[in-house]
Amino acid sequence: MSNIQKNLKAGESQVQDTANAAKNKTADTAQSAKDKTADAANAAKNKTADTAQSAKDKTADATQSTKECVQQGTDQSAGFLQQTGEKVMNMAQGAVGSVKSTLGMGDKK
């Protein structure tokens, strides 16, 4: 083998080694970028899930609070209506008694 052939083989070997090193570095860089992208996607997914759960919890709390307010309002309305009904009934009984008394139909003692 001549010197030129030896130098050519050595040069080819060096080029091959450089190409392999570049290929490996590119693969490592690509894998690193892929890993970072996957990590960012997982972080975004987790944040979205946490935000959704928080919104769900707040909605459930607001719903419960609304139910309690409605129940309290219903109870107050029922009490108010019962009191009003009793007052109207007493007023009507008083009016009937007054009319009877005026007409002389009242209870005679």
PDB file of N, CA and C in Angstrom:
ATOM      1  N   MET A   1       0.852  -1.156   0.000  1.00  0.00           N
ATOM      2  CA  MET A   1       0.000   0.000   0.000  1.00  0.00           C
ATOM      3  C   MET A   1       0.906   1.229   0.000  1.00  0.00           C
ATOM      4  N   SER A   2       0.552   2.140  -0.834  1.00  0.00           N
ATOM      5  CA  SER A   2       1.370   3.342  -0.957  1.00  0.00           C
ATOM      6  C   SER A   2       0.996   4.345   0.125  1.00  0.00           C
ATOM      7  N   ASN A   3       1.868   5.324   0.263  1.00  0.00           N
ATOM      8  CA  ASN A   3       1.638   6.377   1.245  1.00  0.00           C
ATOM      9  C   ASN A   3       0.333   7.116   0.959  1.00  0.00           C
ATOM     10  N   ILE A   4       0.056   7.333  -0.269  1.00  0.00           N
ATOM     11  CA  ILE A   4      -1.167   8.060  -0.645  1.00  0.00           C
ATOM     12  C   ILE A   4      -2.380   7.250  -0.224  1.00  0.00           C
ATOM     13  N   GLN A   5      -2.341   5.963  -0.460  1.00  0.00           N
ATOM     14  CA  GLN A   5      -3.466   5.120  -0.090  1.00  0.00           C
ATOM     15  C   GLN A   5      -3.633   5.078   1.432  1.00  0.00           C
ATOM     16  N   LYS A   6      -2.510   5.002   2.132  1.00  0.00           N
ATOM     17  CA  LYS A   6      -2.568   5.003   3.595  1.00  0.00           C
ATOM     18  C   LYS A   6      -3.157   6.315   4.103  1.00  0.00           C
ATOM     19  N   ASN A   7      -2.698   7.436   3.536  1.00  0.00           N
ATOM     20  CA  ASN A   7      -3.218   8.751   3.936  1.00  0.00           C
ATOM     21  C   ASN A   7      -4.702   8.873   3.594  1.00  0.00           C
ATOM     22  N   LEU A   8      -5.076   8.307   2.439  1.00  0.00           N
ATOM     23  CA  LEU A   8      -6.480   8.347   2.027  1.00  0.00           C
ATOM     24  C   LEU A   8      -7.323   7.535   2.999  1.00  0.00           C
ATOM     25  N   LYS A   9      -6.854   6.357   3.371  1.00  0.00           N
ATOM     26  CA  LYS A   9      -7.580   5.509   4.335  1.00  0.00           C
ATOM     27  C   LYS A   9      -7.665   6.213   5.687  1.00  0.00           C
ATOM     28  N   ALA A  10      -6.596   6.823   6.123  1.00  0.00           N
ATOM     29  CA  ALA A  10      -6.581   7.539   7.392  1.00  0.00           C
ATOM     30  C   ALA A  10      -7.554   8.720   7.335  1.00  0.00           C
ATOM     31  N   GLY A  11      -7.568   9.407   6.216  1.00  0.00           N
ATOM     32  CA  GLY A  11      -8.488  10.536   6.048  1.00  0.00           C
ATOM     33  C   GLY A  11      -9.940  10.069   6.051  1.00  0.00           C
ATOM     34  N   GLU A  12     -10.189   8.956   5.372  1.00  0.00           N
ATOM     35  CA  GLU A  12     -11.552   8.394   5.356  1.00  0.00           C
ATOM     36  C   GLU A  12     -11.972   7.997   6.767  1.00  0.00           C
ATOM     37  N   SER A  13     -11.073   7.403   7.486  1.00  0.00           N
ATOM     38  CA  SER A  13     -11.349   6.980   8.855  1.00  0.00           C
ATOM     39  C   SER A  13     -11.639   8.194   9.737  1.00  0.00           C
ATOM     40  N   GLN A  14     -10.855   9.241   9.547  1.00  0.00           N
ATOM     41  CA  GLN A  14     -11.046  10.467  10.322  1.00  0.00           C
ATOM     42  C   GLN A  14     -12.394  11.107   9.980  1.00  0.00           C
ATOM     43  N   VAL A  15     -12.740  11.129   8.702  1.00  0.00           N
ATOM     44  CA  VAL A  15     -14.026  11.692   8.270  1.00  0.00           C
ATOM     45  C   VAL A  15     -15.162  10.856   8.850  1.00  0.00           C
ATOM     46  N   GLN A  16     -15.001   9.546   8.828  1.00  0.00           N
ATOM     47  CA  GLN A  16     -16.032   8.649   9.373  1.00  0.00           C
ATOM     48  C   GLN A  16     -16.202   8.884  10.874  1.00  0.00           C
ATOM     49  N   ASP A  17     -15.079   9.021  11.577  1.00  0.00           N
ATOM     50  CA  ASP A  17     -15.136   9.281  13.014  1.00  0.00           C
ATOM     51  C   ASP A  17     -15.817  10.619  13.295  1.00  0.00           C
ATOM     52  N   THR A  18     -15.485  11.640  12.525  1.00  0.00           N
ATOM     53  CA  THR A  18     -16.093  12.964  12.696  1.00  0.00           C
ATOM     54  C   THR A  18     -17.590  12.896  12.389  1.00  0.00           C
ATOM     55  N   ALA A  19     -17.961  12.172  11.353  1.00  0.00           N
ATOM     56  CA  ALA A  19     -19.371  12.030  10.986  1.00  0.00           C
ATOM     57  C   ALA A  19     -20.134  11.294  12.088  1.00  0.00           C
ATOM     58  N   ASN A  20     -19.532  10.237  12.616  1.00  0.00           N
ATOM     59  CA  ASN A  20     -20.183   9.498  13.706  1.00  0.00           C
ATOM     60  C   ASN A  20     -20.338  10.363  14.951  1.00  0.00           C
ATOM     61  N   ALA A  21     -19.315  11.135  15.260  1.00  0.00           N
ATOM     62  CA  ALA A  21     -19.389  12.025  16.424  1.00  0.00           C
ATOM     63  C   ALA A  21     -20.486  13.065  16.226  1.00  0.00           C
ATOM     64  N   ALA A  22     -20.565  13.615  15.011  1.00  0.00           N
ATOM     65  CA  ALA A  22     -21.609  14.607  14.717  1.00  0.00           C
ATOM     66  C   ALA A  22     -22.987  13.963  14.795  1.00  0.00           C
ATOM     67  N   LYS A  23     -23.093  12.750  14.272  1.00  0.00           N
ATOM     68  CA  LYS A  23     -24.363  12.021  14.308  1.00  0.00           C
ATOM     69  C   LYS A  23     -24.784  11.761  15.759  1.00  0.00           C
ATOM     70  N   ASN A  24     -23.852  11.325  16.590  1.00  0.00           N
ATOM     71  CA  ASN A  24     -24.153  11.063  17.995  1.00  0.00           C
ATOM     72  C   ASN A  24     -24.544  12.340  18.734  1.00  0.00           C
ATOM     73  N   LYS A  25     -23.830  13.420  18.450  1.00  0.00           N
ATOM     74  CA  LYS A  25     -24.140  14.696  19.101  1.00  0.00           C
ATOM     75  C   LYS A  25     -25.530  15.174  18.686  1.00  0.00           C
ATOM     76  N   THR A  26     -25.849  15.027  17.405  1.00  0.00           N
ATOM     77  CA  THR A  26     -27.174  15.419  16.918  1.00  0.00           C
ATOM     78  C   THR A  26     -28.259  14.570  17.572  1.00  0.00           C
ATOM     79  N   ALA A  27     -28.018  13.275  17.687  1.00  0.00           N
ATOM     80  CA  ALA A  27     -28.983  12.378  18.333  1.00  0.00           C
ATOM     81  C   ALA A  27     -29.177  12.758  19.801  1.00  0.00           C
ATOM     82  N   ASP A  28     -28.064  13.073  20.481  1.00  0.00           N
ATOM     83  CA  ASP A  28     -28.168  13.482  21.884  1.00  0.00           C
ATOM     84  C   ASP A  28     -28.942  14.789  22.031  1.00  0.00           C
ATOM     85  N   THR A  29     -28.664  15.730  21.157  1.00  0.00           N
ATOM     86  CA  THR A  29     -29.365  17.021  21.194  1.00  0.00           C
ATOM     87  C   THR A  29     -30.855  16.824  20.916  1.00  0.00           C
ATOM     88  N   ALA A  30     -31.161  15.981  19.949  1.00  0.00           N
ATOM     89  CA  ALA A  30     -32.567  15.711  19.616  1.00  0.00           C
ATOM     90  C   ALA A  30     -33.272  15.032  20.789  1.00  0.00           C
ATOM     91  N   GLN A  31     -32.615  14.075  21.427  1.00  0.00           N
ATOM     92  CA  GLN A  31     -33.210  13.388  22.572  1.00  0.00           C
ATOM     93  C   GLN A  31     -33.426  14.353  23.726  1.00  0.00           C
ATOM     94  N   SER A  32     -32.467  15.241  23.941  1.00  0.00           N
ATOM     95  CA  SER A  32     -32.596  16.234  25.000  1.00  0.00           C
ATOM     96  C   SER A  32     -33.782  17.161  24.728  1.00  0.00           C
ATOM     97  N   ALA A  33     -33.926  17.585  23.487  1.00  0.00           N
ATOM     98  CA  ALA A  33     -35.057  18.449  23.118  1.00  0.00           C
ATOM     99  C   ALA A  33     -36.373  17.696  23.286  1.00  0.00           C
ATOM    100  N   LYS A  34     -36.375  16.433  22.907  1.00  0.00           N
ATOM    101  CA  LYS A  34     -37.586  15.609  23.048  1.00  0.00           C
ATOM    102  C   LYS A  34     -37.969  15.468  24.518  1.00  0.00           C
ATOM    103  N   ASP A  35     -36.964  15.210  25.364  1.00  0.00           N
ATOM    104  CA  ASP A  35     -37.218  15.080  26.798  1.00  0.00           C
ATOM    105  C   ASP A  35     -37.753  16.378  27.398  1.00  0.00           C
ATOM    106  N   LYS A  36     -37.153  17.506  27.016  1.00  0.00           N
ATOM    107  CA  LYS A  36     -37.618  18.804  27.525  1.00  0.00           C
ATOM    108  C   LYS A  36     -39.052  19.077  27.084  1.00  0.00           C
ATOM    109  N   THR A  37     -39.363  18.739  25.844  1.00  0.00           N
ATOM    110  CA  THR A  37     -40.721  18.942  25.331  1.00  0.00           C
ATOM    111  C   THR A  37     -41.715  18.066  26.088  1.00  0.00           C
ATOM    112  N   ALA A  38     -41.335  16.811  26.332  1.00  0.00           N
ATOM    113  CA  ALA A  38     -42.211  15.906  27.084  1.00  0.00           C
ATOM    114  C   ALA A  38     -42.421  16.416  28.506  1.00  0.00           C
ATOM    115  N   ASP A  39     -41.352  16.902  29.123  1.00  0.00           N
ATOM    116  CA  ASP A  39     -41.475  17.454  30.484  1.00  0.00           C
ATOM    117  C   ASP A  39     -42.396  18.669  30.510  1.00  0.00           C
ATOM    118  N   ALA A  40     -42.244  19.534  29.534  1.00  0.00           N
ATOM    119  CA  ALA A  40     -43.096  20.734  29.467  1.00  0.00           C
ATOM    120  C   ALA A  40     -44.553  20.337  29.230  1.00  0.00           C
ATOM    121  N   ALA A  41     -44.763  19.350  28.379  1.00  0.00           N
ATOM    122  CA  ALA A  41     -46.134  18.887  28.107  1.00  0.00           C
ATOM    123  C   ALA A  41     -46.758  18.286  29.362  1.00  0.00           C
ATOM    124  N   ASN A  42     -45.981  17.497  30.100  1.00  0.00           N
ATOM    125  CA  ASN A  42     -46.497  16.911  31.338  1.00  0.00           C
ATOM    126  C   ASN A  42     -46.794  17.978  32.383  1.00  0.00           C
ATOM    127  N   ALA A  43     -45.932  18.969  32.476  1.00  0.00           N
ATOM    128  CA  ALA A  43     -46.172  20.060  33.428  1.00  0.00           C
ATOM    129  C   ALA A  43     -47.446  20.816  33.065  1.00  0.00           C
ATOM    130  N   ALA A  44     -47.633  21.076  31.773  1.00  0.00           N
ATOM    131  CA  ALA A  44     -48.846  21.772  31.327  1.00  0.00           C
ATOM    132  C   ALA A  44     -50.082  20.918  31.598  1.00  0.00           C
ATOM    133  N   LYS A  45     -49.960  19.625  31.357  1.00  0.00           N
ATOM    134  CA  LYS A  45     -51.083  18.707  31.596  1.00  0.00           C
ATOM    135  C   LYS A  45     -51.460  18.705  33.078  1.00  0.00           C
ATOM    136  N   ASN A  46     -50.441  18.618  33.935  1.00  0.00           N
ATOM    137  CA  ASN A  46     -50.698  18.613  35.377  1.00  0.00           C
ATOM    138  C   ASN A  46     -51.308  19.922  35.849  1.00  0.00           C
ATOM    139  N   LYS A  47     -50.804  21.038  35.329  1.00  0.00           N
ATOM    140  CA  LYS A  47     -51.351  22.344  35.714  1.00  0.00           C
ATOM    141  C   LYS A  47     -52.811  22.459  35.268  1.00  0.00           C
ATOM    142  N   THR A  48     -53.094  21.978  34.062  1.00  0.00           N
ATOM    143  CA  THR A  48     -54.465  22.012  33.557  1.00  0.00           C
ATOM    144  C   THR A  48     -55.379  21.162  34.434  1.00  0.00           C
ATOM    145  N   ALA A  49     -54.901  19.977  34.803  1.00  0.00           N
ATOM    146  CA  ALA A  49     -55.698  19.098  35.657  1.00  0.00           C
ATOM    147  C   ALA A  49     -55.941  19.742  37.019  1.00  0.00           C
ATOM    148  N   ASP A  50     -54.905  20.373  37.582  1.00  0.00           N
ATOM    149  CA  ASP A  50     -55.054  21.047  38.874  1.00  0.00           C
ATOM    150  C   ASP A  50     -56.038  22.208  38.785  1.00  0.00           C
ATOM    151  N   THR A  51     -55.934  22.968  37.716  1.00  0.00           N
ATOM    152  CA  THR A  51     -56.847  24.107  37.525  1.00  0.00           C
ATOM    153  C   THR A  51     -58.275  23.618  37.361  1.00  0.00           C
ATOM    154  N   ALA A  52     -58.461  22.560  36.598  1.00  0.00           N
ATOM    155  CA  ALA A  52     -59.807  22.005  36.401  1.00  0.00           C
ATOM    156  C   ALA A  52     -60.378  21.505  37.720  1.00  0.00           C
ATOM    157  N   GLN A  53     -59.558  20.825  38.522  1.00  0.00           N
ATOM    158  CA  GLN A  53     -60.031  20.319  39.809  1.00  0.00           C
ATOM    159  C   GLN A  53     -60.386  21.472  40.742  1.00  0.00           C
ATOM    160  N   SER A  54     -59.567  22.507  40.722  1.00  0.00           N
ATOM    161  CA  SER A  54     -59.838  23.681  41.556  1.00  0.00           C
ATOM    162  C   SER A  54     -61.156  24.336  41.152  1.00  0.00           C
ATOM    163  N   ALA A  55     -61.365  24.463  39.845  1.00  0.00           N
ATOM    164  CA  ALA A  55     -62.620  25.050  39.358  1.00  0.00           C
ATOM    165  C   ALA A  55     -63.804  24.176  39.752  1.00  0.00           C
ATOM    166  N   LYS A  56     -63.626  22.868  39.663  1.00  0.00           N
ATOM    167  CA  LYS A  56     -64.700  21.936  40.041  1.00  0.00           C
ATOM    168  C   LYS A  56     -65.029  22.080  41.527  1.00  0.00           C
ATOM    169  N   ASP A  57     -63.991  22.166  42.359  1.00  0.00           N
ATOM    170  CA  ASP A  57     -64.205  22.327  43.799  1.00  0.00           C
ATOM    171  C   ASP A  57     -64.906  23.644  44.121  1.00  0.00           C
ATOM    172  N   LYS A  58     -64.469  24.719  43.466  1.00  0.00           N
ATOM    173  CA  LYS A  58     -65.091  26.022  43.712  1.00  0.00           C
ATOM    174  C   LYS A  58     -66.549  26.019  43.265  1.00  0.00           C
ATOM    175  N   THR A  59     -66.832  25.358  42.154  1.00  0.00           N
ATOM    176  CA  THR A  59     -68.207  25.272  41.669  1.00  0.00           C
ATOM    177  C   THR A  59     -69.070  24.486  42.649  1.00  0.00           C
ATOM    178  N   ALA A  60     -68.530  23.392  43.175  1.00  0.00           N
ATOM    179  CA  ALA A  60     -69.274  22.592  44.147  1.00  0.00           C
ATOM    180  C   ALA A  60     -69.540  23.407  45.413  1.00  0.00           C
ATOM    181  N   ASP A  61     -68.541  24.162  45.869  1.00  0.00           N
ATOM    182  CA  ASP A  61     -68.721  25.011  47.055  1.00  0.00           C
ATOM    183  C   ASP A  61     -69.790  26.081  46.809  1.00  0.00           C
ATOM    184  N   ALA A  62     -69.725  26.698  45.636  1.00  0.00           N
ATOM    185  CA  ALA A  62     -70.708  27.743  45.313  1.00  0.00           C
ATOM    186  C   ALA A  62     -72.109  27.149  45.222  1.00  0.00           C
ATOM    187  N   THR A  63     -72.210  25.965  44.651  1.00  0.00           N
ATOM    188  CA  THR A  63     -73.508  25.299  44.540  1.00  0.00           C
ATOM    189  C   THR A  63     -74.074  24.996  45.923  1.00  0.00           C
ATOM    190  N   GLN A  64     -73.229  24.472  46.806  1.00  0.00           N
ATOM    191  CA  GLN A  64     -73.678  24.163  48.170  1.00  0.00           C
ATOM    192  C   GLN A  64     -74.103  25.431  48.891  1.00  0.00           C
ATOM    193  N   SER A  65     -73.339  26.493  48.751  1.00  0.00           N
ATOM    194  CA  SER A  65     -73.674  27.763  49.390  1.00  0.00           C
ATOM    195  C   SER A  65     -75.012  28.286  48.875  1.00  0.00           C
ATOM    196  N   THR A  66     -75.208  28.166  47.566  1.00  0.00           N
ATOM    197  CA  THR A  66     -76.471  28.615  46.970  1.00  0.00           C
ATOM    198  C   THR A  66     -77.637  27.792  47.498  1.00  0.00           C
ATOM    199  N   LYS A  67     -77.450  26.475  47.602  1.00  0.00           N
ATOM    200  CA  LYS A  67     -78.511  25.613  48.137  1.00  0.00           C
ATOM    201  C   LYS A  67     -78.868  26.026  49.560  1.00  0.00           C
ATOM    202  N   GLU A  68     -77.841  26.301  50.358  1.00  0.00           N
ATOM    203  CA  GLU A  68     -78.081  26.694  51.743  1.00  0.00           C
ATOM    204  C   GLU A  68     -78.820  28.028  51.811  1.00  0.00           C
ATOM    205  N   CYS A  69     -78.445  28.980  50.962  1.00  0.00           N
ATOM    206  CA  CYS A  69     -79.122  30.283  50.944  1.00  0.00           C
ATOM    207  C   CYS A  69     -80.577  30.131  50.515  1.00  0.00           C
ATOM    208  N   VAL A  70     -80.804  29.302  49.507  1.00  0.00           N
ATOM    209  CA  VAL A  70     -82.173  29.078  49.031  1.00  0.00           C
ATOM    210  C   VAL A  70     -83.005  28.431  50.127  1.00  0.00           C
ATOM    211  N   GLN A  71     -82.431  27.432  50.822  1.00  0.00           N
ATOM    212  CA  GLN A  71     -83.162  26.760  51.902  1.00  0.00           C
ATOM    213  C   GLN A  71     -83.485  27.742  53.017  1.00  0.00           C
ATOM    214  N   GLN A  72     -82.521  28.587  53.369  1.00  0.00           N
ATOM    215  CA  GLN A  72     -82.751  29.577  54.425  1.00  0.00           C
ATOM    216  C   GLN A  72     -83.854  30.551  53.987  1.00  0.00           C
ATOM    217  N   GLY A  73     -83.796  30.991  52.739  1.00  0.00           N
ATOM    218  CA  GLY A  73     -84.826  31.895  52.229  1.00  0.00           C
ATOM    219  C   GLY A  73     -86.192  31.245  52.216  1.00  0.00           C
ATOM    220  N   THR A  74     -86.219  29.959  51.849  1.00  0.00           N
ATOM    221  CA  THR A  74     -87.490  29.226  51.833  1.00  0.00           C
ATOM    222  C   THR A  74     -88.055  29.118  53.243  1.00  0.00           C
ATOM    223  N   ASP A  75     -87.186  28.799  54.207  1.00  0.00           N
ATOM    224  CA  ASP A  75     -87.637  28.695  55.594  1.00  0.00           C
ATOM    225  C   ASP A  75     -88.168  30.035  56.098  1.00  0.00           C
ATOM    226  N   GLN A  76     -87.456  31.114  55.776  1.00  0.00           N
ATOM    227  CA  GLN A  76     -87.901  32.441  56.211  1.00  0.00           C
ATOM    228  C   GLN A  76     -89.224  32.816  55.547  1.00  0.00           C
ATOM    229  N   SER A  77     -89.358  32.488  54.266  1.00  0.00           N
ATOM    230  CA  SER A  77     -90.599  32.799  53.550  1.00  0.00           C
ATOM    231  C   SER A  77     -91.765  32.029  54.136  1.00  0.00           C
ATOM    232  N   ALA A  78     -91.529  30.750  54.449  1.00  0.00           N
ATOM    233  CA  ALA A  78     -92.598  29.938  55.028  1.00  0.00           C
ATOM    234  C   ALA A  78     -93.023  30.517  56.368  1.00  0.00           C
ATOM    235  N   GLY A  79     -92.075  30.894  57.193  1.00  0.00           N
ATOM    236  CA  GLY A  79     -92.396  31.494  58.495  1.00  0.00           C
ATOM    237  C   GLY A  79     -93.149  32.800  58.325  1.00  0.00           C
ATOM    238  N   PHE A  80     -92.708  33.618  57.383  1.00  0.00           N
ATOM    239  CA  PHE A  80     -93.364  34.900  57.130  1.00  0.00           C
ATOM    240  C   PHE A  80     -94.803  34.675  56.650  1.00  0.00           C
ATOM    241  N   LEU A  81     -94.970  33.744  55.725  1.00  0.00           N
ATOM    242  CA  LEU A  81     -96.317  33.472  55.201  1.00  0.00           C
ATOM    243  C   LEU A  81     -97.229  32.915  56.292  1.00  0.00           C
ATOM    244  N   GLN A  82     -96.690  32.058  57.152  1.00  0.00           N
ATOM    245  CA  GLN A  82     -97.499  31.517  58.240  1.00  0.00           C
ATOM    246  C   GLN A  82     -97.924  32.638  59.186  1.00  0.00           C
ATOM    247  N   GLN A  83     -97.009  33.518  59.551  1.00  0.00           N
ATOM    248  CA  GLN A  83     -97.341  34.637  60.447  1.00  0.00           C
ATOM    249  C   GLN A  83     -98.368  35.557  59.793  1.00  0.00           C
ATOM    250  N   THR A  84     -98.163  35.838  58.515  1.00  0.00           N
ATOM    251  CA  THR A  84     -99.100  36.715  57.808  1.00  0.00           C
ATOM    252  C   THR A  84    -100.484  36.075  57.754  1.00  0.00           C
ATOM    253  N   GLY A  85    -100.532  34.782  57.479  1.00  0.00           N
ATOM    254  CA  GLY A  85    -101.818  34.075  57.438  1.00  0.00           C
ATOM    255  C   GLY A  85    -102.532  34.132  58.774  1.00  0.00           C
ATOM    256  N   GLU A  86    -101.781  33.942  59.850  1.00  0.00           N
ATOM    257  CA  GLU A  86    -102.385  33.997  61.188  1.00  0.00           C
ATOM    258  C   GLU A  86    -102.919  35.397  61.486  1.00  0.00           C
ATOM    259  N   LYS A  87    -102.178  36.421  61.100  1.00  0.00           N
ATOM    260  CA  LYS A  87    -102.626  37.795  61.330  1.00  0.00           C
ATOM    261  C   LYS A  87    -103.901  38.081  60.550  1.00  0.00           C
ATOM    262  N   VAL A  88    -103.939  37.654  59.291  1.00  0.00           N
ATOM    263  CA  VAL A  88    -105.136  37.876  58.462  1.00  0.00           C
ATOM    264  C   VAL A  88    -106.322  37.141  59.060  1.00  0.00           C
ATOM    265  N   MET A  89    -106.085  35.905  59.526  1.00  0.00           N
ATOM    266  CA  MET A  89    -107.171  35.132  60.126  1.00  0.00           C
ATOM    267  C   MET A  89    -107.690  35.818  61.391  1.00  0.00           C
ATOM    268  N   ASN A  90    -106.775  36.307  62.233  1.00  0.00           N
ATOM    269  CA  ASN A  90    -107.196  36.989  63.463  1.00  0.00           C
ATOM    270  C   ASN A  90    -107.948  38.280  63.146  1.00  0.00           C
ATOM    271  N   MET A  91    -107.469  39.001  62.128  1.00  0.00           N
ATOM    272  CA  MET A  91    -108.160  40.231  61.740  1.00  0.00           C
ATOM    273  C   MET A  91    -109.563  39.909  61.220  1.00  0.00           C
ATOM    274  N   ALA A  92    -109.679  38.848  60.432  1.00  0.00           N
ATOM    275  CA  ALA A  92    -110.993  38.467  59.896  1.00  0.00           C
ATOM    276  C   ALA A  92    -111.925  38.045  61.019  1.00  0.00           C
ATOM    277  N   GLN A  93    -111.421  37.298  61.986  1.00  0.00           N
ATOM    278  CA  GLN A  93    -112.249  36.886  63.129  1.00  0.00           C
ATOM    279  C   GLN A  93    -112.691  38.111  63.932  1.00  0.00           C
ATOM    280  N   GLY A  94    -111.765  39.071  64.085  1.00  0.00           N
ATOM    281  CA  GLY A  94    -112.111  40.302  64.793  1.00  0.00           C
ATOM    282  C   GLY A  94    -113.172  41.081  64.037  1.00  0.00           C
ATOM    283  N   ALA A  95    -113.057  41.121  62.705  1.00  0.00           N
ATOM    284  CA  ALA A  95    -114.047  41.837  61.895  1.00  0.00           C
ATOM    285  C   ALA A  95    -115.401  41.150  61.991  1.00  0.00           C
ATOM    286  N   VAL A  96    -115.411  39.835  61.939  1.00  0.00           N
ATOM    287  CA  VAL A  96    -116.667  39.087  62.066  1.00  0.00           C
ATOM    288  C   VAL A  96    -117.295  39.369  63.423  1.00  0.00           C
ATOM    289  N   GLY A  97    -116.473  39.348  64.457  1.00  0.00           N
ATOM    290  CA  GLY A  97    -116.981  39.635  65.807  1.00  0.00           C
ATOM    291  C   GLY A  97    -117.554  41.045  65.888  1.00  0.00           C
ATOM    292  N   SER A  98    -116.892  42.022  65.267  1.00  0.00           N
ATOM    293  CA  SER A  98    -117.379  43.399  65.288  1.00  0.00           C
ATOM    294  C   SER A  98    -118.707  43.519  64.550  1.00  0.00           C
ATOM    295  N   VAL A  99    -118.794  42.856  63.397  1.00  0.00           N
ATOM    296  CA  VAL A  99    -120.040  42.908  62.616  1.00  0.00           C
ATOM    297  C   VAL A  99    -121.166  42.252  63.400  1.00  0.00           C
ATOM    298  N   LYS A 100    -120.914  41.108  64.011  1.00  0.00           N
ATOM    299  CA  LYS A 100    -121.928  40.426  64.798  1.00  0.00           C
ATOM    300  C   LYS A 100    -122.372  41.304  65.963  1.00  0.00           C
ATOM    301  N   SER A 101    -121.384  41.920  66.601  1.00  0.00           N
ATOM    302  CA  SER A 101    -121.702  42.768  67.741  1.00  0.00           C
ATOM    303  C   SER A 101    -122.543  43.963  67.302  1.00  0.00           C
ATOM    304  N   THR A 102    -122.190  44.539  66.151  1.00  0.00           N
ATOM    305  CA  THR A 102    -122.923  45.685  65.644  1.00  0.00           C
ATOM    306  C   THR A 102    -124.347  45.297  65.296  1.00  0.00           C
ATOM    307  N   LEU A 103    -124.486  44.118  64.722  1.00  0.00           N
ATOM    308  CA  LEU A 103    -125.809  43.665  64.331  1.00  0.00           C
ATOM    309  C   LEU A 103    -126.579  43.020  65.485  1.00  0.00           C
ATOM    310  N   GLY A 104    -125.945  42.883  66.595  1.00  0.00           N
ATOM    311  CA  GLY A 104    -126.600  42.288  67.750  1.00  0.00           C
ATOM    312  C   GLY A 104    -126.625  40.782  67.700  1.00  0.00           C
ATOM    313  N   MET A 105    -125.720  40.232  66.938  1.00  0.00           N
ATOM    314  CA  MET A 105    -125.687  38.766  66.819  1.00  0.00           C
ATOM    315  C   MET A 105    -124.522  38.191  67.621  1.00  0.00           C
ATOM    316  N   GLY A 106    -123.844  39.027  68.341  1.00  0.00           N
ATOM    317  CA  GLY A 106    -122.676  38.574  69.089  1.00  0.00           C
ATOM    318  C   GLY A 106    -123.051  37.661  70.231  1.00  0.00           C
ATOM    319  N   ASP A 107    -122.099  37.062  70.825  1.00  0.00           N
ATOM    320  CA  ASP A 107    -122.326  36.177  71.972  1.00  0.00           C
ATOM    321  C   ASP A 107    -122.831  37.034  73.122  1.00  0.00           C
ATOM    322  N   LYS A 108    -123.902  36.616  73.684  1.00  0.00           N
ATOM    323  CA  LYS A 108    -124.445  37.353  74.808  1.00  0.00           C
ATOM    324  C   LYS A 108    -123.989  36.673  76.077  1.00  0.00           C
ATOM    325  N   LYS A 109    -123.459  37.441  76.942  1.00  0.00           N
ATOM    326  CA  LYS A 109    -122.932  36.897  78.182  1.00  0.00           C
ATOM    327  C   LYS A 109    -123.844  37.223  79.299  1.00  0.00           C
TER     328      LYS A 109
END
